[in-house]
């Protein structure tokens, strides 16, 4: 099955990839902040609290993009299924 770049399915899949990349980047940034200071503890230093805000927001944004894109793919699949049922 060929998916052209303007189809709703292709747009949904692109959104899934972008959401995944956003979440992975934010998670990596958050994980890296936990190692700053070399204290060896599992807790980040107090000064890192403010720097956690942006990657946590990016993580949530990536999750929302992924969820919305998944809905687009789901609805696109249902629509295609309905069209095939009508055609048959």
N, C-alpha and C. Protein backbone atom coordinates (compact mmCIF):
# COMPACT_ATOMS: atom_id res chain seq x y z
N UNK A 1 0.84 -1.18 0.00
CA UNK A 1 0.00 0.00 0.00
C UNK A 1 0.89 1.24 0.00
N UNK A 2 0.63 2.12 -0.91
CA UNK A 2 1.42 3.34 -1.02
C UNK A 2 0.73 4.46 -0.25
N UNK A 3 1.51 5.18 0.54
CA UNK A 3 0.98 6.30 1.32
C UNK A 3 1.62 7.57 0.78
N UNK A 4 0.81 8.45 0.18
CA UNK A 4 1.39 9.70 -0.30
C UNK A 4 1.58 10.67 0.84
N UNK A 5 2.45 11.64 0.64
CA UNK A 5 2.88 12.51 1.73
C UNK A 5 1.77 13.44 2.23
N UNK A 6 0.69 13.58 1.48
CA UNK A 6 -0.38 14.47 1.90
C UNK A 6 -1.54 13.76 2.57
N UNK A 7 -1.49 12.44 2.68
CA UNK A 7 -2.60 11.71 3.26
C UNK A 7 -2.65 11.87 4.78
N UNK A 8 -3.82 11.71 5.32
CA UNK A 8 -3.97 11.84 6.77
C UNK A 8 -3.19 10.75 7.51
N UNK A 9 -3.10 9.59 6.91
CA UNK A 9 -2.34 8.50 7.52
C UNK A 9 -0.85 8.87 7.59
N UNK A 10 -0.31 9.41 6.49
CA UNK A 10 1.10 9.81 6.47
C UNK A 10 1.37 10.92 7.48
N UNK A 11 0.46 11.87 7.56
CA UNK A 11 0.62 12.97 8.52
C UNK A 11 0.58 12.44 9.95
N UNK A 12 -0.31 11.49 10.21
CA UNK A 12 -0.37 10.88 11.54
C UNK A 12 0.90 10.14 11.90
N UNK A 13 1.44 9.39 10.95
CA UNK A 13 2.69 8.65 11.18
C UNK A 13 3.85 9.61 11.41
N UNK A 14 3.91 10.69 10.65
CA UNK A 14 4.95 11.70 10.86
C UNK A 14 4.84 12.29 12.26
N UNK A 15 3.61 12.54 12.71
CA UNK A 15 3.41 13.06 14.06
C UNK A 15 3.86 12.07 15.12
N UNK A 16 3.62 10.78 14.90
CA UNK A 16 4.08 9.76 15.83
C UNK A 16 5.60 9.77 15.96
N UNK A 17 6.28 9.88 14.82
CA UNK A 17 7.75 9.91 14.83
C UNK A 17 8.26 11.17 15.54
N UNK A 18 7.65 12.31 15.24
CA UNK A 18 8.08 13.57 15.84
C UNK A 18 7.83 13.54 17.36
N UNK A 19 6.68 13.03 17.78
CA UNK A 19 6.39 12.92 19.20
C UNK A 19 7.37 12.02 19.91
N UNK A 20 7.71 10.90 19.28
CA UNK A 20 8.68 9.97 19.87
C UNK A 20 10.05 10.63 20.00
N UNK A 21 10.48 11.34 18.94
CA UNK A 21 11.78 12.02 18.99
C UNK A 21 11.80 13.09 20.08
N UNK A 22 10.72 13.82 20.21
CA UNK A 22 10.63 14.86 21.24
C UNK A 22 10.73 14.25 22.63
N UNK A 23 10.01 13.16 22.86
CA UNK A 23 10.04 12.52 24.17
C UNK A 23 11.40 11.92 24.47
N UNK A 24 12.04 11.31 23.47
CA UNK A 24 13.37 10.74 23.69
C UNK A 24 14.39 11.82 24.01
N UNK A 25 14.33 12.95 23.30
CA UNK A 25 15.25 14.05 23.57
C UNK A 25 15.06 14.62 24.96
N UNK A 26 13.81 14.80 25.36
CA UNK A 26 13.53 15.34 26.69
C UNK A 26 13.95 14.36 27.78
N UNK A 27 13.69 13.08 27.56
CA UNK A 27 14.08 12.07 28.55
C UNK A 27 15.60 12.01 28.70
N UNK A 28 16.31 12.13 27.60
CA UNK A 28 17.77 12.13 27.66
C UNK A 28 18.28 13.34 28.43
N UNK A 29 17.65 14.48 28.18
CA UNK A 29 18.06 15.69 28.88
C UNK A 29 17.78 15.58 30.38
N UNK A 30 16.64 15.04 30.74
CA UNK A 30 16.31 14.85 32.16
C UNK A 30 17.28 13.88 32.81
N UNK A 31 17.59 12.78 32.12
CA UNK A 31 18.53 11.80 32.66
C UNK A 31 19.92 12.40 32.84
N UNK A 32 20.33 13.25 31.92
CA UNK A 32 21.63 13.90 32.01
C UNK A 32 21.71 14.87 33.16
N UNK A 33 20.60 15.50 33.49
CA UNK A 33 20.59 16.46 34.60
C UNK A 33 20.79 15.76 35.94
N UNK A 34 20.39 14.50 36.04
CA UNK A 34 20.56 13.76 37.29
C UNK A 34 22.00 13.47 37.62
N UNK A 35 22.90 13.55 36.64
CA UNK A 35 24.30 13.24 36.87
C UNK A 35 25.16 14.48 37.11
N UNK A 36 24.58 15.66 37.02
CA UNK A 36 25.34 16.90 37.20
C UNK A 36 25.79 17.01 38.65
N UNK A 37 27.01 17.38 38.87
CA UNK A 37 27.51 17.60 40.22
C UNK A 37 28.34 16.45 40.75
N UNK A 38 28.19 15.29 40.19
CA UNK A 38 29.00 14.15 40.58
C UNK A 38 28.86 13.74 42.03
N UNK A 39 27.70 13.95 42.65
CA UNK A 39 27.51 13.59 44.05
C UNK A 39 27.34 12.10 44.23
N UNK A 40 26.99 11.41 43.16
CA UNK A 40 26.82 9.97 43.24
C UNK A 40 25.46 9.56 43.77
N UNK A 41 24.67 10.51 44.25
CA UNK A 41 23.35 10.20 44.76
C UNK A 41 22.34 10.10 43.64
N UNK A 42 21.17 9.60 43.98
CA UNK A 42 20.13 9.46 42.96
C UNK A 42 19.35 10.75 42.77
N UNK A 43 19.50 11.70 43.66
CA UNK A 43 18.79 12.96 43.57
C UNK A 43 19.64 14.01 42.87
N UNK A 44 19.05 14.77 41.92
CA UNK A 44 19.81 15.86 41.31
C UNK A 44 20.04 16.97 42.32
N UNK A 45 21.04 17.79 42.06
CA UNK A 45 21.32 18.89 42.96
C UNK A 45 20.16 19.87 42.97
N UNK A 46 20.05 20.63 44.04
CA UNK A 46 18.97 21.58 44.22
C UNK A 46 18.91 22.59 43.07
N UNK A 47 20.04 23.02 42.55
CA UNK A 47 20.07 24.04 41.50
C UNK A 47 19.50 23.53 40.18
N UNK A 48 19.32 22.23 40.03
CA UNK A 48 18.80 21.68 38.78
C UNK A 48 17.28 21.74 38.69
N UNK A 49 16.59 22.11 39.76
CA UNK A 49 15.14 22.15 39.76
C UNK A 49 14.58 23.03 38.66
N UNK A 50 15.15 24.22 38.50
CA UNK A 50 14.66 25.14 37.49
C UNK A 50 14.95 24.62 36.09
N UNK A 51 16.07 23.93 35.92
CA UNK A 51 16.42 23.45 34.59
C UNK A 51 15.61 22.20 34.21
N UNK A 52 14.89 21.62 35.13
CA UNK A 52 14.04 20.47 34.82
C UNK A 52 12.72 20.88 34.19
N UNK A 53 12.32 22.13 34.37
CA UNK A 53 11.01 22.57 33.90
C UNK A 53 10.87 22.42 32.39
N UNK A 54 11.86 22.89 31.64
CA UNK A 54 11.77 22.84 30.18
C UNK A 54 11.74 21.42 29.63
N UNK A 55 12.64 20.51 30.07
CA UNK A 55 12.56 19.15 29.52
C UNK A 55 11.29 18.41 29.94
N UNK A 56 10.77 18.69 31.11
CA UNK A 56 9.53 18.04 31.54
C UNK A 56 8.37 18.54 30.68
N UNK A 57 8.37 19.85 30.40
CA UNK A 57 7.33 20.41 29.52
C UNK A 57 7.45 19.82 28.11
N UNK A 58 8.68 19.67 27.63
CA UNK A 58 8.89 19.08 26.30
C UNK A 58 8.44 17.62 26.29
N UNK A 59 8.66 16.90 27.37
CA UNK A 59 8.23 15.51 27.47
C UNK A 59 6.70 15.43 27.38
N UNK A 60 6.02 16.30 28.09
CA UNK A 60 4.56 16.33 28.05
C UNK A 60 4.05 16.73 26.66
N UNK A 61 4.72 17.70 26.05
CA UNK A 61 4.34 18.12 24.71
C UNK A 61 4.51 16.97 23.70
N UNK A 62 5.60 16.24 23.81
CA UNK A 62 5.83 15.09 22.93
C UNK A 62 4.77 14.02 23.13
N UNK A 63 4.38 13.81 24.39
CA UNK A 63 3.34 12.82 24.69
C UNK A 63 2.01 13.23 24.05
N UNK A 64 1.67 14.50 24.18
CA UNK A 64 0.41 14.98 23.60
C UNK A 64 0.43 14.89 22.08
N UNK A 65 1.57 15.21 21.46
CA UNK A 65 1.70 15.09 20.02
C UNK A 65 1.54 13.63 19.59
N UNK A 66 2.18 12.73 20.33
CA UNK A 66 2.09 11.30 20.02
C UNK A 66 0.65 10.82 20.14
N UNK A 67 -0.02 11.19 21.24
CA UNK A 67 -1.40 10.76 21.45
C UNK A 67 -2.34 11.28 20.36
N UNK A 68 -2.18 12.56 20.00
CA UNK A 68 -3.03 13.15 18.97
C UNK A 68 -2.77 12.49 17.61
N UNK A 69 -1.52 12.22 17.32
CA UNK A 69 -1.17 11.57 16.05
C UNK A 69 -1.70 10.15 16.00
N UNK A 70 -1.69 9.47 17.13
CA UNK A 70 -2.24 8.11 17.18
C UNK A 70 -3.74 8.14 16.87
N UNK A 71 -4.43 9.16 17.36
CA UNK A 71 -5.86 9.29 17.06
C UNK A 71 -6.08 9.53 15.56
N UNK A 72 -5.20 10.37 14.95
CA UNK A 72 -5.30 10.63 13.52
C UNK A 72 -5.14 9.32 12.74
N UNK A 73 -4.15 8.52 13.11
CA UNK A 73 -3.93 7.23 12.43
C UNK A 73 -5.13 6.31 12.63
N UNK A 74 -5.66 6.28 13.85
CA UNK A 74 -6.81 5.43 14.14
C UNK A 74 -8.03 5.83 13.30
N UNK A 75 -8.33 7.12 13.27
CA UNK A 75 -9.49 7.58 12.50
C UNK A 75 -9.28 7.39 11.01
N UNK A 76 -8.06 7.60 10.54
CA UNK A 76 -7.75 7.39 9.14
C UNK A 76 -7.97 5.92 8.76
N UNK A 77 -7.55 5.01 9.63
CA UNK A 77 -7.75 3.59 9.38
C UNK A 77 -9.23 3.21 9.36
N UNK A 78 -9.98 3.78 10.30
CA UNK A 78 -11.43 3.49 10.33
C UNK A 78 -12.12 4.03 9.08
N UNK A 79 -11.72 5.24 8.66
CA UNK A 79 -12.31 5.83 7.46
C UNK A 79 -12.01 4.98 6.24
N UNK A 80 -10.77 4.56 6.10
CA UNK A 80 -10.39 3.69 4.99
C UNK A 80 -11.17 2.38 5.03
N UNK A 81 -11.33 1.82 6.20
CA UNK A 81 -12.11 0.60 6.36
C UNK A 81 -13.55 0.78 5.93
N UNK A 82 -14.12 1.92 6.33
CA UNK A 82 -15.51 2.20 5.93
C UNK A 82 -15.64 2.35 4.43
N UNK A 83 -14.66 3.03 3.82
CA UNK A 83 -14.70 3.20 2.36
C UNK A 83 -14.59 1.85 1.65
N UNK A 84 -13.76 0.98 2.17
CA UNK A 84 -13.61 -0.35 1.57
C UNK A 84 -14.89 -1.16 1.73
N UNK A 85 -15.56 -1.01 2.88
CA UNK A 85 -16.83 -1.72 3.09
C UNK A 85 -17.89 -1.23 2.12
N UNK A 86 -17.91 0.06 1.87
CA UNK A 86 -18.90 0.63 0.95
C UNK A 86 -18.63 0.15 -0.47
N UNK A 87 -17.34 0.12 -0.84
CA UNK A 87 -16.95 -0.27 -2.19
C UNK A 87 -17.27 -1.75 -2.45
N UNK A 88 -17.18 -2.59 -1.41
CA UNK A 88 -17.37 -4.03 -1.59
C UNK A 88 -18.79 -4.44 -1.72
